[in-house]
Amino acid sequence: MDKKTAMQDIIAKVGRERAIDMVMKAYDTELMTTLLNRLEEGKSKMIGAYKRRDHLEAALLRVLEVCELASP
């Protein structure tokens, strides 16, 4: 997935300022979800247990999916 293209698609649907706000909120949600999962599973103390995720890509996909569901 090309992040720039995904962001442009979101901007086309909701406008620039709203797109930035939505993606930033989704990004925060992705970060919090990862941190909570690590705490719940006790992974923060295990070596090699944490796998790096692309939180921005996940946020863009989340927002783009919602935008596509809401479009007529």
PDB file of N, CA and C in Angstrom:
ATOM      1  N   MET A   1       0.834  -1.180   0.000  1.00  0.00           N
ATOM      2  CA  MET A   1       0.000   0.000   0.000  1.00  0.00           C
ATOM      3  C   MET A   1       0.881   1.246   0.000  1.00  0.00           C
ATOM      4  N   ASP A   2       0.531   2.173  -0.846  1.00  0.00           N
ATOM      5  CA  ASP A   2       1.235   3.443  -0.902  1.00  0.00           C
ATOM      6  C   ASP A   2       0.541   4.418   0.054  1.00  0.00           C
ATOM      7  N   LYS A   3       1.254   4.855   1.073  1.00  0.00           N
ATOM      8  CA  LYS A   3       0.678   5.712   2.103  1.00  0.00           C
ATOM      9  C   LYS A   3       0.211   7.051   1.545  1.00  0.00           C
ATOM     10  N   LYS A   4       1.004   7.601   0.633  1.00  0.00           N
ATOM     11  CA  LYS A   4       0.653   8.907   0.062  1.00  0.00           C
ATOM     12  C   LYS A   4      -0.655   8.817  -0.730  1.00  0.00           C
ATOM     13  N   THR A   5      -0.806   7.759  -1.501  1.00  0.00           N
ATOM     14  CA  THR A   5      -2.031   7.569  -2.272  1.00  0.00           C
ATOM     15  C   THR A   5      -3.223   7.372  -1.349  1.00  0.00           C
ATOM     16  N   ALA A   6      -3.040   6.590  -0.293  1.00  0.00           N
ATOM     17  CA  ALA A   6      -4.125   6.363   0.663  1.00  0.00           C
ATOM     18  C   ALA A   6      -4.548   7.681   1.306  1.00  0.00           C
ATOM     19  N   MET A   7      -3.572   8.503   1.683  1.00  0.00           N
ATOM     20  CA  MET A   7      -3.902   9.788   2.297  1.00  0.00           C
ATOM     21  C   MET A   7      -4.607  10.694   1.306  1.00  0.00           C
ATOM     22  N   GLN A   8      -4.190  10.688   0.066  1.00  0.00           N
ATOM     23  CA  GLN A   8      -4.851  11.501  -0.960  1.00  0.00           C
ATOM     24  C   GLN A   8      -6.299  11.051  -1.165  1.00  0.00           C
ATOM     25  N   ASP A   9      -6.539   9.751  -1.109  1.00  0.00           N
ATOM     26  CA  ASP A   9      -7.902   9.216  -1.233  1.00  0.00           C
ATOM     27  C   ASP A   9      -8.769   9.691  -0.072  1.00  0.00           C
ATOM     28  N   ILE A  10      -8.211   9.679   1.123  1.00  0.00           N
ATOM     29  CA  ILE A  10      -8.955  10.131   2.297  1.00  0.00           C
ATOM     30  C   ILE A  10      -9.236  11.625   2.194  1.00  0.00           C
ATOM     31  N   ILE A  11      -8.242  12.403   1.783  1.00  0.00           N
ATOM     32  CA  ILE A  11      -8.420  13.848   1.615  1.00  0.00           C
ATOM     33  C   ILE A  11      -9.524  14.144   0.598  1.00  0.00           C
ATOM     34  N   ALA A  12      -9.560  13.378  -0.480  1.00  0.00           N
ATOM     35  CA  ALA A  12     -10.583  13.580  -1.506  1.00  0.00           C
ATOM     36  C   ALA A  12     -11.985  13.327  -0.950  1.00  0.00           C
ATOM     37  N   LYS A  13     -12.092  12.449   0.007  1.00  0.00           N
ATOM     38  CA  LYS A  13     -13.400  12.101   0.563  1.00  0.00           C
ATOM     39  C   LYS A  13     -13.857  13.048   1.671  1.00  0.00           C
ATOM     40  N   VAL A  14     -12.925  13.502   2.538  1.00  0.00           N
ATOM     41  CA  VAL A  14     -13.342  14.270   3.719  1.00  0.00           C
ATOM     42  C   VAL A  14     -12.692  15.643   3.847  1.00  0.00           C
ATOM     43  N   GLY A  15     -11.765  15.982   3.003  1.00  0.00           N
ATOM     44  CA  GLY A  15     -11.063  17.257   3.112  1.00  0.00           C
ATOM     45  C   GLY A  15      -9.759  17.103   3.879  1.00  0.00           C
ATOM     46  N   ARG A  16      -8.855  18.048   3.667  1.00  0.00           N
ATOM     47  CA  ARG A  16      -7.494  17.944   4.207  1.00  0.00           C
ATOM     48  C   ARG A  16      -7.442  17.943   5.734  1.00  0.00           C
ATOM     49  N   GLU A  17      -8.064  18.937   6.350  1.00  0.00           N
ATOM     50  CA  GLU A  17      -7.986  19.058   7.809  1.00  0.00           C
ATOM     51  C   GLU A  17      -8.656  17.877   8.510  1.00  0.00           C
ATOM     52  N   ARG A  18      -9.808  17.479   8.019  1.00  0.00           N
ATOM     53  CA  ARG A  18     -10.528  16.341   8.622  1.00  0.00           C
ATOM     54  C   ARG A  18      -9.735  15.049   8.419  1.00  0.00           C
ATOM     55  N   ALA A  19      -9.115  14.901   7.266  1.00  0.00           N
ATOM     56  CA  ALA A  19      -8.316  13.704   6.988  1.00  0.00           C
ATOM     57  C   ALA A  19      -7.144  13.601   7.953  1.00  0.00           C
ATOM     58  N   ILE A  20      -6.455  14.708   8.163  1.00  0.00           N
ATOM     59  CA  ILE A  20      -5.326  14.708   9.087  1.00  0.00           C
ATOM     60  C   ILE A  20      -5.801  14.343  10.488  1.00  0.00           C
ATOM     61  N   ASP A  21      -6.897  14.935  10.918  1.00  0.00           N
ATOM     62  CA  ASP A  21      -7.437  14.657  12.252  1.00  0.00           C
ATOM     63  C   ASP A  21      -7.825  13.184  12.401  1.00  0.00           C
ATOM     64  N   MET A  22      -8.501  12.656  11.412  1.00  0.00           N
ATOM     65  CA  MET A  22      -8.950  11.257  11.471  1.00  0.00           C
ATOM     66  C   MET A  22      -7.771  10.291  11.502  1.00  0.00           C
ATOM     67  N   VAL A  23      -6.777  10.536  10.667  1.00  0.00           N
ATOM     68  CA  VAL A  23      -5.619   9.640  10.607  1.00  0.00           C
ATOM     69  C   VAL A  23      -4.808   9.727  11.899  1.00  0.00           C
ATOM     70  N   MET A  24      -4.648  10.916  12.443  1.00  0.00           N
ATOM     71  CA  MET A  24      -3.909  11.049  13.701  1.00  0.00           C
ATOM     72  C   MET A  24      -4.617  10.332  14.844  1.00  0.00           C
ATOM     73  N   LYS A  25      -5.932  10.426  14.901  1.00  0.00           N
ATOM     74  CA  LYS A  25      -6.682   9.714  15.941  1.00  0.00           C
ATOM     75  C   LYS A  25      -6.567   8.203  15.754  1.00  0.00           C
ATOM     76  N   ALA A  26      -6.645   7.751  14.511  1.00  0.00           N
ATOM     77  CA  ALA A  26      -6.495   6.324  14.237  1.00  0.00           C
ATOM     78  C   ALA A  26      -5.081   5.853  14.574  1.00  0.00           C
ATOM     79  N   TYR A  27      -4.094   6.695  14.299  1.00  0.00           N
ATOM     80  CA  TYR A  27      -2.702   6.369  14.621  1.00  0.00           C
ATOM     81  C   TYR A  27      -2.531   6.207  16.135  1.00  0.00           C
ATOM     82  N   ASP A  28      -3.103   7.152  16.885  1.00  0.00           N
ATOM     83  CA  ASP A  28      -3.050   7.055  18.347  1.00  0.00           C
ATOM     84  C   ASP A  28      -3.708   5.767  18.830  1.00  0.00           C
ATOM     85  N   THR A  29      -4.821   5.412  18.218  1.00  0.00           N
ATOM     86  CA  THR A  29      -5.526   4.179  18.583  1.00  0.00           C
ATOM     87  C   THR A  29      -4.659   2.960  18.304  1.00  0.00           C
ATOM     88  N   GLU A  30      -3.984   2.941  17.170  1.00  0.00           N
ATOM     89  CA  GLU A  30      -3.098   1.823  16.840  1.00  0.00           C
ATOM     90  C   GLU A  30      -1.963   1.698  17.853  1.00  0.00           C
ATOM     91  N   LEU A  31      -1.377   2.829  18.231  1.00  0.00           N
ATOM     92  CA  LEU A  31      -0.306   2.806  19.229  1.00  0.00           C
ATOM     93  C   LEU A  31      -0.800   2.286  20.573  1.00  0.00           C
ATOM     94  N   MET A  32      -1.934   2.791  21.008  1.00  0.00           N
ATOM     95  CA  MET A  32      -2.481   2.365  22.301  1.00  0.00           C
ATOM     96  C   MET A  32      -2.846   0.889  22.292  1.00  0.00           C
ATOM     97  N   THR A  33      -3.401   0.422  21.203  1.00  0.00           N
ATOM     98  CA  THR A  33      -3.754  -0.996  21.092  1.00  0.00           C
ATOM     99  C   THR A  33      -2.514  -1.870  21.216  1.00  0.00           C
ATOM    100  N   THR A  34      -1.453  -1.481  20.537  1.00  0.00           N
ATOM    101  CA  THR A  34      -0.202  -2.240  20.607  1.00  0.00           C
ATOM    102  C   THR A  34       0.353  -2.244  22.026  1.00  0.00           C
ATOM    103  N   LEU A  35       0.365  -1.077  22.656  1.00  0.00           N
ATOM    104  CA  LEU A  35       0.904  -0.989  24.015  1.00  0.00           C
ATOM    105  C   LEU A  35       0.067  -1.794  25.004  1.00  0.00           C
ATOM    106  N   LEU A  36      -1.248  -1.720  24.886  1.00  0.00           N
ATOM    107  CA  LEU A  36      -2.115  -2.482  25.787  1.00  0.00           C
ATOM    108  C   LEU A  36      -1.954  -3.983  25.590  1.00  0.00           C
ATOM    109  N   ASN A  37      -1.836  -4.411  24.348  1.00  0.00           N
ATOM    110  CA  ASN A  37      -1.624  -5.834  24.078  1.00  0.00           C
ATOM    111  C   ASN A  37      -0.313  -6.315  24.685  1.00  0.00           C
ATOM    112  N   ARG A  38       0.721  -5.505  24.581  1.00  0.00           N
ATOM    113  CA  ARG A  38       2.012  -5.881  25.160  1.00  0.00           C
ATOM    114  C   ARG A  38       1.922  -5.993  26.673  1.00  0.00           C
ATOM    115  N   LEU A  39       1.214  -5.061  27.290  1.00  0.00           N
ATOM    116  CA  LEU A  39       1.077  -5.097  28.745  1.00  0.00           C
ATOM    117  C   LEU A  39       0.243  -6.290  29.205  1.00  0.00           C
ATOM    118  N   GLU A  40      -0.861  -6.541  28.504  1.00  0.00           N
ATOM    119  CA  GLU A  40      -1.737  -7.644  28.872  1.00  0.00           C
ATOM    120  C   GLU A  40      -1.039  -8.990  28.742  1.00  0.00           C
ATOM    121  N   GLU A  41      -0.252  -9.143  27.728  1.00  0.00           N
ATOM    122  CA  GLU A  41       0.398 -10.419  27.471  1.00  0.00           C
ATOM    123  C   GLU A  41       1.754 -10.533  28.153  1.00  0.00           C
ATOM    124  N   GLY A  42       2.179  -9.489  28.821  1.00  0.00           N
ATOM    125  CA  GLY A  42       3.465  -9.511  29.502  1.00  0.00           C
ATOM    126  C   GLY A  42       4.641  -9.550  28.543  1.00  0.00           C
ATOM    127  N   LYS A  43       4.433  -9.120  27.323  1.00  0.00           N
ATOM    128  CA  LYS A  43       5.481  -9.200  26.309  1.00  0.00           C
ATOM    129  C   LYS A  43       6.589  -8.177  26.516  1.00  0.00           C
ATOM    130  N   SER A  44       6.311  -7.136  27.267  1.00  0.00           N
ATOM    131  CA  SER A  44       7.323  -6.098  27.422  1.00  0.00           C
ATOM    132  C   SER A  44       8.557  -6.624  28.162  1.00  0.00           C
ATOM    133  N   LYS A  45       8.408  -7.746  28.871  1.00  0.00           N
ATOM    134  CA  LYS A  45       9.524  -8.302  29.620  1.00  0.00           C
ATOM    135  C   LYS A  45      10.224  -9.440  28.878  1.00  0.00           C
ATOM    136  N   MET A  46       9.654  -9.851  27.769  1.00  0.00           N
ATOM    137  CA  MET A  46      10.224 -10.974  27.026  1.00  0.00           C
ATOM    138  C   MET A  46      11.075 -10.462  25.868  1.00  0.00           C
ATOM    139  N   ILE A  47      12.236 -10.984  25.722  1.00  0.00           N
ATOM    140  CA  ILE A  47      13.128 -10.572  24.636  1.00  0.00           C
ATOM    141  C   ILE A  47      12.603 -11.133  23.318  1.00  0.00           C
ATOM    142  N   GLY A  48      12.509 -10.267  22.329  1.00  0.00           N
ATOM    143  CA  GLY A  48      12.096 -10.696  20.996  1.00  0.00           C
ATOM    144  C   GLY A  48      10.616 -10.932  20.828  1.00  0.00           C
ATOM    145  N   ALA A  49       9.801 -10.639  21.822  1.00  0.00           N
ATOM    146  CA  ALA A  49       8.370 -10.913  21.725  1.00  0.00           C
ATOM    147  C   ALA A  49       7.645  -9.842  20.908  1.00  0.00           C
ATOM    148  N   TYR A  50       8.159  -8.645  20.895  1.00  0.00           N
ATOM    149  CA  TYR A  50       7.490  -7.537  20.224  1.00  0.00           C
ATOM    150  C   TYR A  50       7.874  -7.488  18.759  1.00  0.00           C
ATOM    151  N   LYS A  51       6.884  -7.509  17.898  1.00  0.00           N
ATOM    152  CA  LYS A  51       7.113  -7.394  16.460  1.00  0.00           C
ATOM    153  C   LYS A  51       6.697  -5.990  16.019  1.00  0.00           C
ATOM    154  N   ARG A  52       7.599  -5.292  15.388  1.00  0.00           N
ATOM    155  CA  ARG A  52       7.352  -3.913  14.953  1.00  0.00           C
ATOM    156  C   ARG A  52       6.257  -3.876  13.901  1.00  0.00           C
ATOM    157  N   ARG A  53       5.262  -3.033  14.149  1.00  0.00           N
ATOM    158  CA  ARG A  53       4.169  -2.831  13.205  1.00  0.00           C
ATOM    159  C   ARG A  53       4.284  -1.442  12.595  1.00  0.00           C
ATOM    160  N   ASP A  54       3.742  -1.286  11.423  1.00  0.00           N
ATOM    161  CA  ASP A  54       3.666   0.035  10.802  1.00  0.00           C
ATOM    162  C   ASP A  54       2.330   0.645  11.221  1.00  0.00           C
ATOM    163  N   HIS A  55       2.360   1.415  12.282  1.00  0.00           N
ATOM    164  CA  HIS A  55       1.136   1.989  12.834  1.00  0.00           C
ATOM    165  C   HIS A  55       0.487   2.988  11.887  1.00  0.00           C
ATOM    166  N   LEU A  56       1.289   3.710  11.127  1.00  0.00           N
ATOM    167  CA  LEU A  56       0.728   4.676  10.185  1.00  0.00           C
ATOM    168  C   LEU A  56      -0.038   3.959   9.082  1.00  0.00           C
ATOM    169  N   GLU A  57       0.524   2.897   8.563  1.00  0.00           N
ATOM    170  CA  GLU A  57      -0.170   2.132   7.529  1.00  0.00           C
ATOM    171  C   GLU A  57      -1.483   1.569   8.067  1.00  0.00           C
ATOM    172  N   ALA A  58      -1.460   1.037   9.268  1.00  0.00           N
ATOM    173  CA  ALA A  58      -2.677   0.491   9.867  1.00  0.00           C
ATOM    174  C   ALA A  58      -3.719   1.595  10.075  1.00  0.00           C
ATOM    175  N   ALA A  59      -3.287   2.775  10.485  1.00  0.00           N
ATOM    176  CA  ALA A  59      -4.202   3.894  10.684  1.00  0.00           C
ATOM    177  C   ALA A  59      -4.822   4.338   9.362  1.00  0.00           C
ATOM    178  N   LEU A  60      -3.997   4.452   8.335  1.00  0.00           N
ATOM    179  CA  LEU A  60      -4.512   4.841   7.022  1.00  0.00           C
ATOM    180  C   LEU A  60      -5.528   3.826   6.505  1.00  0.00           C
ATOM    181  N   LEU A  61      -5.215   2.555   6.659  1.00  0.00           N
ATOM    182  CA  LEU A  61      -6.148   1.516   6.219  1.00  0.00           C
ATOM    183  C   LEU A  61      -7.463   1.582   6.980  1.00  0.00           C
ATOM    184  N   ARG A  62      -7.378   1.814   8.278  1.00  0.00           N
ATOM    185  CA  ARG A  62      -8.575   1.905   9.117  1.00  0.00           C
ATOM    186  C   ARG A  62      -9.461   3.061   8.658  1.00  0.00           C
ATOM    187  N   VAL A  63      -8.875   4.240   8.468  1.00  0.00           N
ATOM    188  CA  VAL A  63      -9.642   5.423   8.065  1.00  0.00           C
ATOM    189  C   VAL A  63     -10.180   5.252   6.645  1.00  0.00           C
ATOM    190  N   LEU A  64      -9.367   4.738   5.749  1.00  0.00           N
ATOM    191  CA  LEU A  64      -9.801   4.537   4.371  1.00  0.00           C
ATOM    192  C   LEU A  64     -10.966   3.559   4.308  1.00  0.00           C
ATOM    193  N   GLU A  65     -10.910   2.510   5.101  1.00  0.00           N
ATOM    194  CA  GLU A  65     -12.005   1.540   5.130  1.00  0.00           C
ATOM    195  C   GLU A  65     -13.295   2.186   5.597  1.00  0.00           C
ATOM    196  N   VAL A  66     -13.232   3.021   6.634  1.00  0.00           N
ATOM    197  CA  VAL A  66     -14.426   3.701   7.134  1.00  0.00           C
ATOM    198  C   VAL A  66     -14.970   4.675   6.083  1.00  0.00           C
ATOM    199  N   CYS A  67     -14.079   5.408   5.423  1.00  0.00           N
ATOM    200  CA  CYS A  67     -14.498   6.339   4.379  1.00  0.00           C
ATOM    201  C   CYS A  67     -15.202   5.619   3.238  1.00  0.00           C
ATOM    202  N   GLU A  68     -14.674   4.479   2.849  1.00  0.00           N
ATOM    203  CA  GLU A  68     -15.277   3.711   1.761  1.00  0.00           C
ATOM    204  C   GLU A  68     -16.627   3.123   2.170  1.00  0.00           C
ATOM    205  N   LEU A  69     -16.750   2.728   3.420  1.00  0.00           N
ATOM    206  CA  LEU A  69     -18.039   2.214   3.900  1.00  0.00           C
ATOM    207  C   LEU A  69     -19.104   3.316   3.926  1.00  0.00           C
ATOM    208  N   ALA A  70     -18.683   4.533   4.220  1.00  0.00           N
ATOM    209  CA  ALA A  70     -19.616   5.649   4.340  1.00  0.00           C
ATOM    210  C   ALA A  70     -19.981   6.285   3.002  1.00  0.00           C
ATOM    211  N   SER A  71     -19.216   6.010   1.963  1.00  0.00           N
ATOM    212  CA  SER A  71     -19.507   6.630   0.661  1.00  0.00           C
ATOM    213  C   SER A  71     -20.682   5.922  -0.006  1.00  0.00           C
ATOM    214  N   PRO A  72     -21.480   6.695  -0.736  1.00  0.00           N
ATOM    215  CA  PRO A  72     -22.686   6.124  -1.384  1.00  0.00           C
ATOM    216  C   PRO A  72     -22.370   5.176  -2.505  1.00  0.00           C
TER     217      PRO A  72
END
